[in-house]
Amino acid sequence: MVELAAITGAHGVAGEVRLKLLGEGLDALRQHKSFNNGSLTLKKVRSDNKGGAIARLSEVQGRGAAEKLRGTVLSVPKAALPALGEGEYYHADLIGLVVETDNGTVVGQVTTVENFGATDVVEITREPVPAKGMKTFMVPMTKDAVLDWDTTRLVIAQDFADD
C-alpha cells in the first residue's frame, strides 16, 4: 500500500476532512476514488490553498464522524499507481533501502523522503548509530549525490556520506 494523504481533522460541520498531502499533491490524489481497501470513497476534493486539501468522503456524515478519522492515512495499492518512466520512483520504494557509498561502504538506511521545493531529499539513518554526532544525514536525489538505486540499495557518492 502507498500512502497518499493523512486526515488531520474535520473541516466545517458537514463532515468534510482536512488532508495533509503525502504524495505528488492534489492531482495525484484525484486519480483515485477508493482508499484503504475500499473502506473510504472520495466524493470530491479541493485545495485548501495552504499545501493541503479539503475532502468529502461518502462514508463520513457530520463533524463528529470526520473528527474520529483524525490520523487516518489514505492509501491505495501500489498496483493502482501509474507506471513509472526511466529514472522515476515512488517515495515508498526508497524508504527502507540500505545505503552504501560508491566505494561499497554501508552507511545506513533510508528512513524518509522529503521535498522542500527544489528536489527530493532522502534522510538516511546512520548504521551503526554513532554515540556522538549526527544520527541522520540528508542527501539530495540528484545525479551527483545518488549514483544508483534498485529494489535493495541506494548508492551515494562518498562525499555526501562524510561527516
Foldseek 3Di string as FASTA:
>chain_A
DDFAWFFAAADDWFFKTKIQGDFPADVQVVLDQAWDVRPWGWPDKDPPVPNIIITDTPVTGTRVSRRVRRGPTTHDDPVSHDDDDPPDDTFVQQFFAFEEEPVGHTFFGFHGWDDPDPAIKTKGAGVPQDPDDDRIFIFGPDCQFFVDDDNHHTYGHPVRRDD
